Amino acid sequence: ISNYVEGLMGTRNDSAVFTRKNLAETVRVMVRVLRPQKRFHNIDVATNVALDFPKLVNFCEIQMQQVLLNLLINAADALNSQEGNDAPRIVITLRYDPKTASVLLSVSDNGPGFAPERLSELFVRRFTTKAKGHGIGLITIKKIIDMHNGTIAVTSGAGQGTTFQIKIPT
């Protein structure tokens, strides 16, 4: 059962094919693919790529697409659940950290956020704020980032939006 679930979530080690690819382009493509969905219609989605961001990064494209899909859909759903936000926005930022030879990918929204005491639950338990959510998206993301020898951190506060920051070696 474990192998089956991990296969569904795209986190089995034997399914990861790491190649040097353009991560910024992968992000742009995912935004273009998701943009026509109804959940994104009233949301401004911006992508900022630092000038020194490496052209090629070693990553599993299919898995990183899954990470982006989960984070962007979660952000859009959070924004759509919030009343009174006249300017819903998602910002994806790509930077390079030369000190650690790592890339930093962050996904931020100006949505409702969640209470800081819930942060410890995000990657270890089935966590969801959605009425029909299954709670395995963030666990899947964490496993994928671990397979990339990376880290993921989150900052959020009730009414202050949420930012997920991923760091992976180049």
C-alpha atoms as a PDB file:
ATOM      1  CA  ILE A   1       0.000   0.000   0.000  1.00  0.00           C
ATOM      2  CA  SER A   2       2.848   2.352   0.885  1.00  0.00           C
ATOM      3  CA  ASN A   3       4.503   1.879  -2.533  1.00  0.00           C
ATOM      4  CA  TYR A   4       1.170   2.413  -4.265  1.00  0.00           C
ATOM      5  CA  VAL A   5       0.463   5.665  -2.406  1.00  0.00           C
ATOM      6  CA  GLU A   6       4.020   6.916  -2.940  1.00  0.00           C
ATOM      7  CA  GLY A   7       3.695   6.111  -6.641  1.00  0.00           C
ATOM      8  CA  LEU A   8       0.463   8.094  -6.828  1.00  0.00           C
ATOM      9  CA  MET A   9       2.104  11.020  -5.070  1.00  0.00           C
ATOM     10  CA  GLY A  10       5.177  10.824  -7.321  1.00  0.00           C
ATOM     11  CA  THR A  11       7.574  10.359  -4.411  1.00  0.00           C
ATOM     12  CA  ARG A  12       9.008   6.905  -5.126  1.00  0.00           C
ATOM     13  CA  ASN A  13      12.786   7.051  -5.490  1.00  0.00           C
ATOM     14  CA  ASP A  14      12.715   4.910  -8.629  1.00  0.00           C
ATOM     15  CA  SER A  15      10.462   7.411 -10.413  1.00  0.00           C
ATOM     16  CA  ALA A  16      12.793  10.385 -10.017  1.00  0.00           C
ATOM     17  CA  VAL A  17      14.878  11.303 -13.043  1.00  0.00           C
ATOM     18  CA  PHE A  18      17.201  14.206 -12.281  1.00  0.00           C
ATOM     19  CA  THR A  19      18.509  16.252 -15.187  1.00  0.00           C
ATOM     20  CA  ARG A  20      19.951  19.712 -15.630  1.00  0.00           C
ATOM     21  CA  LYS A  21      17.045  21.809 -16.866  1.00  0.00           C
ATOM     22  CA  ASN A  22      15.796  25.372 -16.833  1.00  0.00           C
ATOM     23  CA  LEU A  23      13.815  25.686 -13.580  1.00  0.00           C
ATOM     24  CA  ALA A  24      12.645  29.210 -14.422  1.00  0.00           C
ATOM     25  CA  GLU A  25      11.089  27.891 -17.629  1.00  0.00           C
ATOM     26  CA  THR A  26       9.416  25.033 -15.738  1.00  0.00           C
ATOM     27  CA  VAL A  27       7.842  27.634 -13.443  1.00  0.00           C
ATOM     28  CA  ARG A  28       6.687  29.754 -16.393  1.00  0.00           C
ATOM     29  CA  VAL A  29       5.129  26.729 -18.109  1.00  0.00           C
ATOM     30  CA  MET A  30       3.265  25.677 -14.954  1.00  0.00           C
ATOM     31  CA  VAL A  31       1.855  29.184 -14.574  1.00  0.00           C
ATOM     32  CA  ARG A  32       0.734  29.165 -18.234  1.00  0.00           C
ATOM     33  CA  VAL A  33      -0.902  25.751 -17.792  1.00  0.00           C
ATOM     34  CA  LEU A  34      -2.749  26.699 -14.599  1.00  0.00           C
ATOM     35  CA  ARG A  35      -3.693  30.275 -15.531  1.00  0.00           C
ATOM     36  CA  PRO A  36      -6.838  29.355 -17.564  1.00  0.00           C
ATOM     37  CA  GLN A  37      -8.361  27.474 -14.617  1.00  0.00           C
ATOM     38  CA  LYS A  38     -11.326  29.237 -13.057  1.00  0.00           C
ATOM     39  CA  ARG A  39      -9.656  29.352  -9.627  1.00  0.00           C
ATOM     40  CA  PHE A  40      -6.974  31.705 -11.050  1.00  0.00           C
ATOM     41  CA  HIS A  41      -9.249  34.105 -13.004  1.00  0.00           C
ATOM     42  CA  ASN A  42      -9.247  36.976 -10.504  1.00  0.00           C
ATOM     43  CA  ILE A  43      -5.739  36.415  -9.156  1.00  0.00           C
ATOM     44  CA  ASP A  44      -2.652  38.326 -10.245  1.00  0.00           C
ATOM     45  CA  VAL A  45       0.190  35.809 -10.635  1.00  0.00           C
ATOM     46  CA  ALA A  46       3.674  37.311 -10.921  1.00  0.00           C
ATOM     47  CA  THR A  47       6.994  35.572 -11.503  1.00  0.00           C
ATOM     48  CA  ASN A  48      10.249  37.275 -10.539  1.00  0.00           C
ATOM     49  CA  VAL A  49      13.530  35.698 -11.631  1.00  0.00           C
ATOM     50  CA  ALA A  50      16.784  37.169 -10.338  1.00  0.00           C
ATOM     51  CA  LEU A  51      19.296  38.158 -13.004  1.00  0.00           C
ATOM     52  CA  ASP A  52      21.916  35.783 -11.568  1.00  0.00           C
ATOM     53  CA  PHE A  53      19.548  32.805 -11.434  1.00  0.00           C
ATOM     54  CA  PRO A  54      21.293  29.811 -13.055  1.00  0.00           C
ATOM     55  CA  LYS A  55      20.096  28.763 -16.478  1.00  0.00           C
ATOM     56  CA  LEU A  56      20.358  25.067 -15.558  1.00  0.00           C
ATOM     57  CA  VAL A  57      19.537  23.381 -12.252  1.00  0.00           C
ATOM     58  CA  ASN A  58      19.677  19.673 -11.378  1.00  0.00           C
ATOM     59  CA  PHE A  59      16.115  18.581 -10.547  1.00  0.00           C
ATOM     60  CA  CYS A  60      13.380  16.110 -11.421  1.00  0.00           C
ATOM     61  CA  GLU A  61      11.057  18.091 -13.650  1.00  0.00           C
ATOM     62  CA  ILE A  62       7.966  15.933 -13.092  1.00  0.00           C
ATOM     63  CA  GLN A  63       8.348  16.150  -9.336  1.00  0.00           C
ATOM     64  CA  MET A  64       8.987  19.894  -9.373  1.00  0.00           C
ATOM     65  CA  GLN A  65       5.884  20.347 -11.506  1.00  0.00           C
ATOM     66  CA  GLN A  66       3.952  18.496  -8.787  1.00  0.00           C
ATOM     67  CA  VAL A  67       5.408  20.813  -6.126  1.00  0.00           C
ATOM     68  CA  LEU A  68       4.415  23.894  -8.119  1.00  0.00           C
ATOM     69  CA  LEU A  69       0.975  22.502  -8.897  1.00  0.00           C
ATOM     70  CA  ASN A  70       0.252  21.838  -5.216  1.00  0.00           C
ATOM     71  CA  LEU A  71       1.588  25.180  -3.984  1.00  0.00           C
ATOM     72  CA  LEU A  72      -0.139  27.278  -6.642  1.00  0.00           C
ATOM     73  CA  ILE A  73      -3.503  25.539  -6.305  1.00  0.00           C
ATOM     74  CA  ASN A  74      -3.317  25.818  -2.504  1.00  0.00           C
ATOM     75  CA  ALA A  75      -2.548  29.532  -2.796  1.00  0.00           C
ATOM     76  CA  ALA A  76      -5.365  30.138  -5.277  1.00  0.00           C
ATOM     77  CA  ASP A  77      -7.861  28.207  -3.159  1.00  0.00           C
ATOM     78  CA  ALA A  78      -6.835  30.171  -0.060  1.00  0.00           C
ATOM     79  CA  LEU A  79      -7.213  33.459  -1.918  1.00  0.00           C
ATOM     80  CA  ASN A  80     -10.615  32.464  -3.277  1.00  0.00           C
ATOM     81  CA  SER A  81     -11.828  31.536   0.200  1.00  0.00           C
ATOM     82  CA  GLN A  82     -11.050  35.018   1.498  1.00  0.00           C
ATOM     83  CA  GLU A  83     -13.686  37.715   1.357  1.00  0.00           C
ATOM     84  CA  GLY A  84     -12.779  41.363   0.964  1.00  0.00           C
ATOM     85  CA  ASN A  85      -9.408  40.910  -0.749  1.00  0.00           C
ATOM     86  CA  ASP A  86      -9.650  43.305  -3.704  1.00  0.00           C
ATOM     87  CA  ALA A  87      -6.201  42.444  -5.035  1.00  0.00           C
ATOM     88  CA  PRO A  88      -5.517  38.710  -4.622  1.00  0.00           C
ATOM     89  CA  ARG A  89      -1.927  37.989  -5.623  1.00  0.00           C
ATOM     90  CA  ILE A  90       0.540  35.115  -5.894  1.00  0.00           C
ATOM     91  CA  VAL A  91       4.215  35.914  -6.328  1.00  0.00           C
ATOM     92  CA  ILE A  92       6.741  33.289  -7.384  1.00  0.00           C
ATOM     93  CA  THR A  93      10.344  34.319  -6.831  1.00  0.00           C
ATOM     94  CA  LEU A  94      13.489  32.554  -8.045  1.00  0.00           C
ATOM     95  CA  ARG A  95      16.845  33.570  -6.581  1.00  0.00           C
ATOM     96  CA  TYR A  96      20.349  32.142  -6.380  1.00  0.00           C
ATOM     97  CA  ASP A  97      22.377  31.803  -3.187  1.00  0.00           C
ATOM     98  CA  PRO A  98      26.059  31.685  -4.209  1.00  0.00           C
ATOM     99  CA  LYS A  99      27.202  30.976  -0.628  1.00  0.00           C
ATOM    100  CA  THR A 100      25.457  27.583  -0.638  1.00  0.00           C
ATOM    101  CA  ALA A 101      25.278  27.054  -4.431  1.00  0.00           C
ATOM    102  CA  SER A 102      21.524  26.669  -4.059  1.00  0.00           C
ATOM    103  CA  VAL A 103      18.450  28.031  -5.744  1.00  0.00           C
ATOM    104  CA  LEU A 104      15.613  29.535  -3.732  1.00  0.00           C
ATOM    105  CA  LEU A 105      12.070  29.240  -4.988  1.00  0.00           C
ATOM    106  CA  SER A 106       9.350  30.982  -3.028  1.00  0.00           C
ATOM    107  CA  VAL A 107       5.599  31.047  -3.528  1.00  0.00           C
ATOM    108  CA  SER A 108       3.813  33.810  -1.615  1.00  0.00           C
ATOM    109  CA  ASP A 109       0.194  34.853  -1.446  1.00  0.00           C
ATOM    110  CA  ASN A 110      -1.674  37.666   0.276  1.00  0.00           C
ATOM    111  CA  GLY A 111      -4.449  35.337   1.397  1.00  0.00           C
ATOM    112  CA  PRO A 112      -5.907  34.588   4.811  1.00  0.00           C
ATOM    113  CA  GLY A 113      -2.865  32.672   6.069  1.00  0.00           C
ATOM    114  CA  PHE A 114      -3.228  30.489   9.124  1.00  0.00           C
ATOM    115  CA  ALA A 115      -2.338  30.587  12.784  1.00  0.00           C
ATOM    116  CA  PRO A 116       1.396  30.191  13.536  1.00  0.00           C
ATOM    117  CA  GLU A 117       0.696  27.347  15.970  1.00  0.00           C
ATOM    118  CA  ARG A 118      -0.446  25.241  12.986  1.00  0.00           C
ATOM    119  CA  LEU A 119       2.959  25.517  11.257  1.00  0.00           C
ATOM    120  CA  SER A 120       4.361  22.466  13.048  1.00  0.00           C
ATOM    121  CA  GLU A 121       1.579  20.300  11.548  1.00  0.00           C
ATOM    122  CA  LEU A 122       2.177  21.169   7.909  1.00  0.00           C
ATOM    123  CA  PHE A 123       4.620  18.518   6.742  1.00  0.00           C
ATOM    124  CA  VAL A 124       4.098  15.742   9.268  1.00  0.00           C
ATOM    125  CA  ARG A 125       0.326  15.327   9.442  1.00  0.00           C
ATOM    126  CA  ARG A 126      -2.437  15.395   6.915  1.00  0.00           C
ATOM    127  CA  PHE A 127      -3.079  19.132   7.062  1.00  0.00           C
ATOM    128  CA  THR A 128      -5.767  20.981   5.161  1.00  0.00           C
ATOM    129  CA  THR A 129      -7.829  24.122   5.533  1.00  0.00           C
ATOM    130  CA  LYS A 130     -10.131  23.046   2.685  1.00  0.00           C
ATOM    131  CA  ALA A 131     -13.557  21.563   3.361  1.00  0.00           C
ATOM    132  CA  LYS A 132     -12.887  18.769   0.857  1.00  0.00           C
ATOM    133  CA  GLY A 133      -9.105  18.643   1.154  1.00  0.00           C
ATOM    134  CA  HIS A 134      -7.267  15.368   1.655  1.00  0.00           C
ATOM    135  CA  GLY A 135      -4.216  16.796   3.397  1.00  0.00           C
ATOM    136  CA  ILE A 136      -1.482  14.916   1.533  1.00  0.00           C
ATOM    137  CA  GLY A 137      -0.292  17.743  -0.746  1.00  0.00           C
ATOM    138  CA  LEU A 138       2.186  19.305   1.667  1.00  0.00           C
ATOM    139  CA  ILE A 139       3.470  15.905   2.798  1.00  0.00           C
ATOM    140  CA  THR A 140       4.097  15.077  -0.871  1.00  0.00           C
ATOM    141  CA  ILE A 141       5.922  18.384  -1.393  1.00  0.00           C
ATOM    142  CA  LYS A 142       8.155  17.745   1.623  1.00  0.00           C
ATOM    143  CA  LYS A 143       9.084  14.268   0.367  1.00  0.00           C
ATOM    144  CA  ILE A 144       9.916  15.621  -3.068  1.00  0.00           C
ATOM    145  CA  ILE A 145      12.087  18.417  -1.680  1.00  0.00           C
ATOM    146  CA  ASP A 146      13.841  15.905   0.603  1.00  0.00           C
ATOM    147  CA  MET A 147      14.615  13.788  -2.485  1.00  0.00           C
ATOM    148  CA  HIS A 148      16.202  16.901  -4.006  1.00  0.00           C
ATOM    149  CA  ASN A 149      18.411  17.263  -0.882  1.00  0.00           C
ATOM    150  CA  GLY A 150      16.617  20.518  -0.235  1.00  0.00           C
ATOM    151  CA  THR A 151      14.647  22.241   2.471  1.00  0.00           C
ATOM    152  CA  ILE A 152      11.234  23.825   2.688  1.00  0.00           C
ATOM    153  CA  ALA A 153      10.121  26.489   5.137  1.00  0.00           C
ATOM    154  CA  VAL A 154       6.861  28.336   5.598  1.00  0.00           C
ATOM    155  CA  THR A 155       5.863  31.608   7.156  1.00  0.00           C
ATOM    156  CA  SER A 156       2.251  32.540   7.716  1.00  0.00           C
ATOM    157  CA  GLY A 157       0.014  34.438  10.032  1.00  0.00           C
ATOM    158  CA  ALA A 158      -3.726  34.761  10.285  1.00  0.00           C
ATOM    159  CA  GLY A 159      -4.712  37.499   7.834  1.00  0.00           C
ATOM    160  CA  GLN A 160      -1.105  37.952   6.665  1.00  0.00           C
ATOM    161  CA  GLY A 161      -0.768  35.538   3.756  1.00  0.00           C
ATOM    162  CA  THR A 162       1.597  32.611   3.408  1.00  0.00           C
ATOM    163  CA  THR A 163       5.054  32.091   1.925  1.00  0.00           C
ATOM    164  CA  PHE A 164       6.641  28.733   1.136  1.00  0.00           C
ATOM    165  CA  GLN A 165      10.376  28.879   0.507  1.00  0.00           C
ATOM    166  CA  ILE A 166      12.190  25.975  -1.089  1.00  0.00           C
ATOM    167  CA  LYS A 167      15.956  25.670  -1.263  1.00  0.00           C
ATOM    168  CA  ILE A 168      17.662  23.062  -3.447  1.00  0.00           C
ATOM    169  CA  PRO A 169      21.292  22.637  -4.514  1.00  0.00           C
ATOM    170  CA  THR A 170      22.085  23.526  -8.111  1.00  0.00           C
END
